Amino acid sequence: MLSCKTALQDYSVTRKLLHPPHEVLRQCWEEGAAPGDMRDAKITTFNKNKGKRNDCNNYRGISLLSIVGKVLLKSSCFAYRY
């Protein structure tokens, strides 16, 4: 078992730091639901720097998700796959 102050590899992430997100993910997994902040994405548009800025076709959208939400999604996909 790791000491709470031991860093994992070169990432400087300690066990103490990982405990709260792990508890949130475990609770989401057991309840089968996630908070809205973890599920919902914020859509942001960026100009492609091509053509006129007032043309909607010259923009692209990206979705911004929370990091904990991404981890939950990846772990869910992994669990369903195996």
PDB file of N, CA and C in Angstrom:
ATOM      1  N   MET A   1       0.838  -1.177   0.000  1.00  0.00           N
ATOM      2  CA  MET A   1       0.000   0.000   0.000  1.00  0.00           C
ATOM      3  C   MET A   1       0.883   1.241   0.000  1.00  0.00           C
ATOM      4  N   LEU A   2       0.459   2.246  -0.753  1.00  0.00           N
ATOM      5  CA  LEU A   2       1.226   3.480  -0.858  1.00  0.00           C
ATOM      6  C   LEU A   2       1.036   4.368   0.356  1.00  0.00           C
ATOM      7  N   SER A   3       2.074   5.075   0.685  1.00  0.00           N
ATOM      8  CA  SER A   3       1.956   6.113   1.695  1.00  0.00           C
ATOM      9  C   SER A   3       1.159   7.262   1.087  1.00  0.00           C
ATOM     10  N   CYS A   4       0.438   8.006   1.918  1.00  0.00           N
ATOM     11  CA  CYS A   4      -0.364   9.122   1.417  1.00  0.00           C
ATOM     12  C   CYS A   4       0.488  10.228   0.813  1.00  0.00           C
ATOM     13  N   LYS A   5       1.754  10.285   1.153  1.00  0.00           N
ATOM     14  CA  LYS A   5       2.601  11.357   0.645  1.00  0.00           C
ATOM     15  C   LYS A   5       3.510  10.903  -0.492  1.00  0.00           C
ATOM     16  N   THR A   6       3.384   9.660  -0.921  1.00  0.00           N
ATOM     17  CA  THR A   6       4.227   9.143  -1.985  1.00  0.00           C
ATOM     18  C   THR A   6       3.644   9.539  -3.336  1.00  0.00           C
ATOM     19  N   ALA A   7       4.466  10.119  -4.193  1.00  0.00           N
ATOM     20  CA  ALA A   7       4.015  10.507  -5.531  1.00  0.00           C
ATOM     21  C   ALA A   7       4.029   9.289  -6.442  1.00  0.00           C
ATOM     22  N   LEU A   8       3.042   9.207  -7.317  1.00  0.00           N
ATOM     23  CA  LEU A   8       2.966   8.127  -8.278  1.00  0.00           C
ATOM     24  C   LEU A   8       3.785   8.496  -9.505  1.00  0.00           C
ATOM     25  N   GLN A   9       4.798   7.756  -9.797  1.00  0.00           N
ATOM     26  CA  GLN A   9       5.701   7.961 -10.931  1.00  0.00           C
ATOM     27  C   GLN A   9       6.210   9.398 -10.952  1.00  0.00           C
ATOM     28  N   ASP A  10       6.237   9.998 -12.126  1.00  0.00           N
ATOM     29  CA  ASP A  10       6.765  11.349 -12.259  1.00  0.00           C
ATOM     30  C   ASP A  10       5.678  12.407 -12.314  1.00  0.00           C
ATOM     31  N   TYR A  11       4.445  12.045 -12.011  1.00  0.00           N
ATOM     32  CA  TYR A  11       3.340  12.975 -12.181  1.00  0.00           C
ATOM     33  C   TYR A  11       3.072  13.825 -10.944  1.00  0.00           C
ATOM     34  N   SER A  12       3.727  13.566  -9.857  1.00  0.00           N
ATOM     35  CA  SER A  12       3.531  14.294  -8.598  1.00  0.00           C
ATOM     36  C   SER A  12       2.083  14.238  -8.117  1.00  0.00           C
ATOM     37  N   VAL A  13       1.413  13.127  -8.358  1.00  0.00           N
ATOM     38  CA  VAL A  13       0.050  12.924  -7.896  1.00  0.00           C
ATOM     39  C   VAL A  13       0.109  11.970  -6.716  1.00  0.00           C
ATOM     40  N   THR A  14      -0.351  12.418  -5.576  1.00  0.00           N
ATOM     41  CA  THR A  14      -0.305  11.576  -4.385  1.00  0.00           C
ATOM     42  C   THR A  14      -1.625  10.837  -4.197  1.00  0.00           C
ATOM     43  N   ARG A  15      -1.582   9.811  -3.391  1.00  0.00           N
ATOM     44  CA  ARG A  15      -2.781   9.033  -3.081  1.00  0.00           C
ATOM     45  C   ARG A  15      -3.819   9.908  -2.392  1.00  0.00           C
ATOM     46  N   LYS A  16      -3.359  10.819  -1.567  1.00  0.00           N
ATOM     47  CA  LYS A  16      -4.252  11.726  -0.852  1.00  0.00           C
ATOM     48  C   LYS A  16      -5.030  12.612  -1.828  1.00  0.00           C
ATOM     49  N   LEU A  17      -4.386  13.000  -2.908  1.00  0.00           N
ATOM     50  CA  LEU A  17      -5.020  13.847  -3.915  1.00  0.00           C
ATOM     51  C   LEU A  17      -6.052  13.077  -4.735  1.00  0.00           C
ATOM     52  N   LEU A  18      -5.841  11.797  -4.948  1.00  0.00           N
ATOM     53  CA  LEU A  18      -6.742  10.991  -5.767  1.00  0.00           C
ATOM     54  C   LEU A  18      -7.964  10.484  -5.015  1.00  0.00           C
ATOM     55  N   HIS A  19      -7.962  10.527  -3.702  1.00  0.00           N
ATOM     56  CA  HIS A  19      -9.058   9.954  -2.926  1.00  0.00           C
ATOM     57  C   HIS A  19     -10.406  10.646  -3.172  1.00  0.00           C
ATOM     58  N   PRO A  20     -10.531  11.979  -3.094  1.00  0.00           N
ATOM     59  CA  PRO A  20     -11.849  12.606  -3.312  1.00  0.00           C
ATOM     60  C   PRO A  20     -12.451  12.337  -4.696  1.00  0.00           C
ATOM     61  N   PRO A  21     -11.685  12.468  -5.801  1.00  0.00           N
ATOM     62  CA  PRO A  21     -12.298  12.137  -7.097  1.00  0.00           C
ATOM     63  C   PRO A  21     -12.708  10.667  -7.193  1.00  0.00           C
ATOM     64  N   HIS A  22     -11.948   9.783  -6.567  1.00  0.00           N
ATOM     65  CA  HIS A  22     -12.291   8.361  -6.587  1.00  0.00           C
ATOM     66  C   HIS A  22     -13.625   8.131  -5.899  1.00  0.00           C
ATOM     67  N   GLU A  23     -13.852   8.814  -4.785  1.00  0.00           N
ATOM     68  CA  GLU A  23     -15.120   8.661  -4.063  1.00  0.00           C
ATOM     69  C   GLU A  23     -16.294   9.155  -4.902  1.00  0.00           C
ATOM     70  N   VAL A  24     -16.122  10.264  -5.604  1.00  0.00           N
ATOM     71  CA  VAL A  24     -17.183  10.792  -6.467  1.00  0.00           C
ATOM     72  C   VAL A  24     -17.490   9.803  -7.586  1.00  0.00           C
ATOM     73  N   LEU A  25     -16.454   9.277  -8.221  1.00  0.00           N
ATOM     74  CA  LEU A  25     -16.656   8.318  -9.309  1.00  0.00           C
ATOM     75  C   LEU A  25     -17.302   7.029  -8.814  1.00  0.00           C
ATOM     76  N   ARG A  26     -16.888   6.565  -7.641  1.00  0.00           N
ATOM     77  CA  ARG A  26     -17.474   5.345  -7.074  1.00  0.00           C
ATOM     78  C   ARG A  26     -18.960   5.545  -6.798  1.00  0.00           C
ATOM     79  N   GLN A  27     -19.313   6.697  -6.236  1.00  0.00           N
ATOM     80  CA  GLN A  27     -20.713   6.983  -5.930  1.00  0.00           C
ATOM     81  C   GLN A  27     -21.543   7.079  -7.218  1.00  0.00           C
ATOM     82  N   CYS A  28     -21.004   7.711  -8.237  1.00  0.00           N
ATOM     83  CA  CYS A  28     -21.707   7.799  -9.529  1.00  0.00           C
ATOM     84  C   CYS A  28     -21.933   6.413 -10.109  1.00  0.00           C
ATOM     85  N   TRP A  29     -20.917   5.568 -10.000  1.00  0.00           N
ATOM     86  CA  TRP A  29     -21.010   4.212 -10.544  1.00  0.00           C
ATOM     87  C   TRP A  29     -22.078   3.405  -9.814  1.00  0.00           C
ATOM     88  N   GLU A  30     -22.121   3.512  -8.481  1.00  0.00           N
ATOM     89  CA  GLU A  30     -23.090   2.748  -7.696  1.00  0.00           C
ATOM     90  C   GLU A  30     -24.517   3.228  -7.935  1.00  0.00           C
ATOM     91  N   GLU A  31     -24.706   4.550  -8.060  1.00  0.00           N
ATOM     92  CA  GLU A  31     -26.050   5.095  -8.248  1.00  0.00           C
ATOM     93  C   GLU A  31     -26.509   5.032  -9.698  1.00  0.00           C
ATOM     94  N   GLY A  32     -25.578   4.869 -10.607  1.00  0.00           N
ATOM     95  CA  GLY A  32     -25.931   4.822 -12.018  1.00  0.00           C
ATOM     96  C   GLY A  32     -26.273   6.179 -12.600  1.00  0.00           C
ATOM     97  N   ALA A  33     -25.866   7.234 -11.921  1.00  0.00           N
ATOM     98  CA  ALA A  33     -26.144   8.590 -12.399  1.00  0.00           C
ATOM     99  C   ALA A  33     -24.980   9.497 -12.029  1.00  0.00           C
ATOM    100  N   ALA A  34     -24.810  10.536 -12.816  1.00  0.00           N
ATOM    101  CA  ALA A  34     -23.736  11.498 -12.568  1.00  0.00           C
ATOM    102  C   ALA A  34     -24.336  12.894 -12.437  1.00  0.00           C
ATOM    103  N   PRO A  35     -23.701  13.769 -11.673  1.00  0.00           N
ATOM    104  CA  PRO A  35     -24.186  15.148 -11.578  1.00  0.00           C
ATOM    105  C   PRO A  35     -24.163  15.829 -12.943  1.00  0.00           C
ATOM    106  N   GLY A  36     -25.041  16.800 -13.123  1.00  0.00           N
ATOM    107  CA  GLY A  36     -25.145  17.496 -14.400  1.00  0.00           C
ATOM    108  C   GLY A  36     -23.850  18.141 -14.842  1.00  0.00           C
ATOM    109  N   ASP A  37     -23.055  18.637 -13.892  1.00  0.00           N
ATOM    110  CA  ASP A  37     -21.787  19.275 -14.245  1.00  0.00           C
ATOM    111  C   ASP A  37     -20.830  18.290 -14.903  1.00  0.00           C
ATOM    112  N   MET A  38     -20.923  17.028 -14.543  1.00  0.00           N
ATOM    113  CA  MET A  38     -20.026  16.025 -15.116  1.00  0.00           C
ATOM    114  C   MET A  38     -20.533  15.521 -16.465  1.00  0.00           C
ATOM    115  N   ARG A  39     -21.841  15.585 -16.686  1.00  0.00           N
ATOM    116  CA  ARG A  39     -22.427  15.062 -17.920  1.00  0.00           C
ATOM    117  C   ARG A  39     -22.473  16.092 -19.036  1.00  0.00           C
ATOM    118  N   ASP A  40     -22.754  17.331 -18.672  1.00  0.00           N
ATOM    119  CA  ASP A  40     -23.003  18.362 -19.671  1.00  0.00           C
ATOM    120  C   ASP A  40     -21.708  18.960 -20.196  1.00  0.00           C
ATOM    121  N   ALA A  41     -21.704  19.245 -21.471  1.00  0.00           N
ATOM    122  CA  ALA A  41     -20.551  19.880 -22.108  1.00  0.00           C
ATOM    123  C   ALA A  41     -20.898  21.328 -22.438  1.00  0.00           C
ATOM    124  N   LYS A  42     -19.896  22.171 -22.404  1.00  0.00           N
ATOM    125  CA  LYS A  42     -20.065  23.557 -22.831  1.00  0.00           C
ATOM    126  C   LYS A  42     -19.521  23.649 -24.251  1.00  0.00           C
ATOM    127  N   ILE A  43     -20.342  24.131 -25.161  1.00  0.00           N
ATOM    128  CA  ILE A  43     -19.949  24.250 -26.559  1.00  0.00           C
ATOM    129  C   ILE A  43     -19.377  25.646 -26.789  1.00  0.00           C
ATOM    130  N   THR A  44     -18.193  25.696 -27.365  1.00  0.00           N
ATOM    131  CA  THR A  44     -17.526  26.952 -27.685  1.00  0.00           C
ATOM    132  C   THR A  44     -17.206  26.947 -29.170  1.00  0.00           C
ATOM    133  N   THR A  45     -17.391  28.086 -29.811  1.00  0.00           N
ATOM    134  CA  THR A  45     -17.083  28.175 -31.236  1.00  0.00           C
ATOM    135  C   THR A  45     -15.774  28.919 -31.449  1.00  0.00           C
ATOM    136  N   PHE A  46     -15.046  28.481 -32.460  1.00  0.00           N
ATOM    137  CA  PHE A  46     -13.779  29.104 -32.833  1.00  0.00           C
ATOM    138  C   PHE A  46     -13.789  29.399 -34.322  1.00  0.00           C
ATOM    139  N   ASN A  47     -13.219  30.526 -34.675  1.00  0.00           N
ATOM    140  CA  ASN A  47     -13.078  30.884 -36.077  1.00  0.00           C
ATOM    141  C   ASN A  47     -11.969  30.037 -36.687  1.00  0.00           C
ATOM    142  N   LYS A  48     -12.198  29.528 -37.894  1.00  0.00           N
ATOM    143  CA  LYS A  48     -11.200  28.697 -38.574  1.00  0.00           C
ATOM    144  C   LYS A  48     -10.116  29.535 -39.238  1.00  0.00           C
ATOM    145  N   ASN A  49     -10.246  30.859 -39.187  1.00  0.00           N
ATOM    146  CA  ASN A  49      -9.322  31.786 -39.857  1.00  0.00           C
ATOM    147  C   ASN A  49      -9.320  31.584 -41.364  1.00  0.00           C
ATOM    148  N   LYS A  50     -10.462  31.229 -41.901  1.00  0.00           N
ATOM    149  CA  LYS A  50     -10.637  31.081 -43.344  1.00  0.00           C
ATOM    150  C   LYS A  50     -11.854  31.914 -43.738  1.00  0.00           C
ATOM    151  N   GLY A  51     -11.721  32.732 -44.699  1.00  0.00           N
ATOM    152  CA  GLY A  51     -12.868  33.477 -45.211  1.00  0.00           C
ATOM    153  C   GLY A  51     -13.325  34.576 -44.266  1.00  0.00           C
ATOM    154  N   LYS A  52     -14.571  34.981 -44.460  1.00  0.00           N
ATOM    155  CA  LYS A  52     -15.138  36.100 -43.701  1.00  0.00           C
ATOM    156  C   LYS A  52     -15.604  35.640 -42.322  1.00  0.00           C
ATOM    157  N   ARG A  53     -15.414  36.514 -41.343  1.00  0.00           N
ATOM    158  CA  ARG A  53     -15.797  36.167 -39.969  1.00  0.00           C
ATOM    159  C   ARG A  53     -17.301  36.162 -39.769  1.00  0.00           C
ATOM    160  N   ASN A  54     -18.050  36.824 -40.625  1.00  0.00           N
ATOM    161  CA  ASN A  54     -19.500  36.875 -40.442  1.00  0.00           C
ATOM    162  C   ASN A  54     -20.216  35.695 -41.106  1.00  0.00           C
ATOM    163  N   ASP A  55     -19.473  34.762 -41.694  1.00  0.00           N
ATOM    164  CA  ASP A  55     -20.045  33.558 -42.291  1.00  0.00           C
ATOM    165  C   ASP A  55     -19.982  32.417 -41.276  1.00  0.00           C
ATOM    166  N   CYS A  56     -21.133  31.843 -40.955  1.00  0.00           N
ATOM    167  CA  CYS A  56     -21.203  30.768 -39.947  1.00  0.00           C
ATOM    168  C   CYS A  56     -20.412  29.526 -40.351  1.00  0.00           C
ATOM    169  N   ASN A  57     -20.209  29.304 -41.630  1.00  0.00           N
ATOM    170  CA  ASN A  57     -19.467  28.127 -42.092  1.00  0.00           C
ATOM    171  C   ASN A  57     -17.977  28.221 -41.798  1.00  0.00           C
ATOM    172  N   ASN A  58     -17.506  29.379 -41.383  1.00  0.00           N
ATOM    173  CA  ASN A  58     -16.090  29.563 -41.079  1.00  0.00           C
ATOM    174  C   ASN A  58     -15.787  29.362 -39.595  1.00  0.00           C
ATOM    175  N   TYR A  59     -16.707  28.764 -38.872  1.00  0.00           N
ATOM    176  CA  TYR A  59     -16.526  28.496 -37.451  1.00  0.00           C
ATOM    177  C   TYR A  59     -16.640  27.007 -37.199  1.00  0.00           C
ATOM    178  N   ARG A  60     -15.992  26.548 -36.162  1.00  0.00           N
ATOM    179  CA  ARG A  60     -16.140  25.159 -35.732  1.00  0.00           C
ATOM    180  C   ARG A  60     -16.419  25.163 -34.239  1.00  0.00           C
ATOM    181  N   GLY A  61     -17.120  24.172 -33.778  1.00  0.00           N
ATOM    182  CA  GLY A  61     -17.445  24.072 -32.364  1.00  0.00           C
ATOM    183  C   GLY A  61     -16.635  22.989 -31.681  1.00  0.00           C
ATOM    184  N   ILE A  62     -16.291  23.219 -30.429  1.00  0.00           N
ATOM    185  CA  ILE A  62     -15.661  22.182 -29.615  1.00  0.00           C
ATOM    186  C   ILE A  62     -16.451  22.072 -28.321  1.00  0.00           C
ATOM    187  N   SER A  63     -16.460  20.902 -27.741  1.00  0.00           N
ATOM    188  CA  SER A  63     -17.170  20.701 -26.479  1.00  0.00           C
ATOM    189  C   SER A  63     -16.152  20.590 -25.347  1.00  0.00           C
ATOM    190  N   LEU A  64     -16.415  21.316 -24.283  1.00  0.00           N
ATOM    191  CA  LEU A  64     -15.547  21.313 -23.110  1.00  0.00           C
ATOM    192  C   LEU A  64     -16.222  20.494 -22.018  1.00  0.00           C
ATOM    193  N   LEU A  65     -15.553  19.427 -21.588  1.00  0.00           N
ATOM    194  CA  LEU A  65     -16.076  18.539 -20.551  1.00  0.00           C
ATOM    195  C   LEU A  65     -15.206  18.633 -19.304  1.00  0.00           C
ATOM    196  N   SER A  66     -15.787  18.299 -18.165  1.00  0.00           N
ATOM    197  CA  SER A  66     -14.992  18.275 -16.937  1.00  0.00           C
ATOM    198  C   SER A  66     -14.048  17.077 -16.967  1.00  0.00           C
ATOM    199  N   ILE A  67     -12.913  17.205 -16.319  1.00  0.00           N
ATOM    200  CA  ILE A  67     -11.923  16.126 -16.288  1.00  0.00           C
ATOM    201  C   ILE A  67     -12.493  14.899 -15.578  1.00  0.00           C
ATOM    202  N   VAL A  68     -13.186  15.106 -14.467  1.00  0.00           N
ATOM    203  CA  VAL A  68     -13.765  13.980 -13.725  1.00  0.00           C
ATOM    204  C   VAL A  68     -14.824  13.292 -14.587  1.00  0.00           C
ATOM    205  N   GLY A  69     -15.582  14.068 -15.352  1.00  0.00           N
ATOM    206  CA  GLY A  69     -16.569  13.491 -16.260  1.00  0.00           C
ATOM    207  C   GLY A  69     -15.924  12.637 -17.334  1.00  0.00           C
ATOM    208  N   LYS A  70     -14.780  13.089 -17.846  1.00  0.00           N
ATOM    209  CA  LYS A  70     -14.055  12.313 -18.857  1.00  0.00           C
ATOM    210  C   LYS A  70     -13.560  10.994 -18.274  1.00  0.00           C
ATOM    211  N   VAL A  71     -13.065  11.036 -17.044  1.00  0.00           N
ATOM    212  CA  VAL A  71     -12.582   9.816 -16.392  1.00  0.00           C
ATOM    213  C   VAL A  71     -13.737   8.844 -16.188  1.00  0.00           C
ATOM    214  N   LEU A  72     -14.888   9.356 -15.748  1.00  0.00           N
ATOM    215  CA  LEU A  72     -16.062   8.508 -15.553  1.00  0.00           C
ATOM    216  C   LEU A  72     -16.495   7.880 -16.877  1.00  0.00           C
ATOM    217  N   LEU A  73     -16.501   8.655 -17.943  1.00  0.00           N
ATOM    218  CA  LEU A  73     -16.884   8.141 -19.249  1.00  0.00           C
ATOM    219  C   LEU A  73     -15.926   7.054 -19.721  1.00  0.00           C
ATOM    220  N   LYS A  74     -14.629   7.298 -19.588  1.00  0.00           N
ATOM    221  CA  LYS A  74     -13.633   6.304 -20.018  1.00  0.00           C
ATOM    222  C   LYS A  74     -13.749   5.017 -19.212  1.00  0.00           C
ATOM    223  N   SER A  75     -13.931   5.148 -17.883  1.00  0.00           N
ATOM    224  CA  SER A  75     -14.029   3.946 -17.054  1.00  0.00           C
ATOM    225  C   SER A  75     -15.317   3.181 -17.354  1.00  0.00           C
ATOM    226  N   SER A  76     -16.403   3.897 -17.660  1.00  0.00           N
ATOM    227  CA  SER A  76     -17.660   3.236 -18.019  1.00  0.00           C
ATOM    228  C   SER A  76     -17.508   2.465 -19.323  1.00  0.00           C
ATOM    229  N   CYS A  77     -16.877   3.101 -20.303  1.00  0.00           N
ATOM    230  CA  CYS A  77     -16.656   2.422 -21.590  1.00  0.00           C
ATOM    231  C   CYS A  77     -15.784   1.186 -21.408  1.00  0.00           C
ATOM    232  N   PHE A  78     -14.762   1.304 -20.579  1.00  0.00           N
ATOM    233  CA  PHE A  78     -13.872   0.176 -20.321  1.00  0.00           C
ATOM    234  C   PHE A  78     -14.630  -0.963 -19.644  1.00  0.00           C
ATOM    235  N   ALA A  79     -15.488  -0.633 -18.668  1.00  0.00           N
ATOM    236  CA  ALA A  79     -16.233  -1.662 -17.940  1.00  0.00           C
ATOM    237  C   ALA A  79     -17.240  -2.368 -18.847  1.00  0.00           C
ATOM    238  N   TYR A  80     -17.894  -1.632 -19.727  1.00  0.00           N
ATOM    239  CA  TYR A  80     -18.865  -2.251 -20.628  1.00  0.00           C
ATOM    240  C   TYR A  80     -18.191  -3.124 -21.676  1.00  0.00           C
ATOM    241  N   ARG A  81     -16.980  -2.758 -22.041  1.00  0.00           N
ATOM    242  CA  ARG A  81     -16.255  -3.511 -23.057  1.00  0.00           C
ATOM    243  C   ARG A  81     -15.822  -4.872 -22.526  1.00  0.00           C
ATOM    244  N   TYR A  82     -15.528  -4.970 -21.209  1.00  0.00           N
ATOM    245  CA  TYR A  82     -15.003  -6.221 -20.648  1.00  0.00           C
ATOM    246  C   TYR A  82     -15.945  -6.784 -19.677  1.00  0.00           C
TER     247      TYR A  82
END
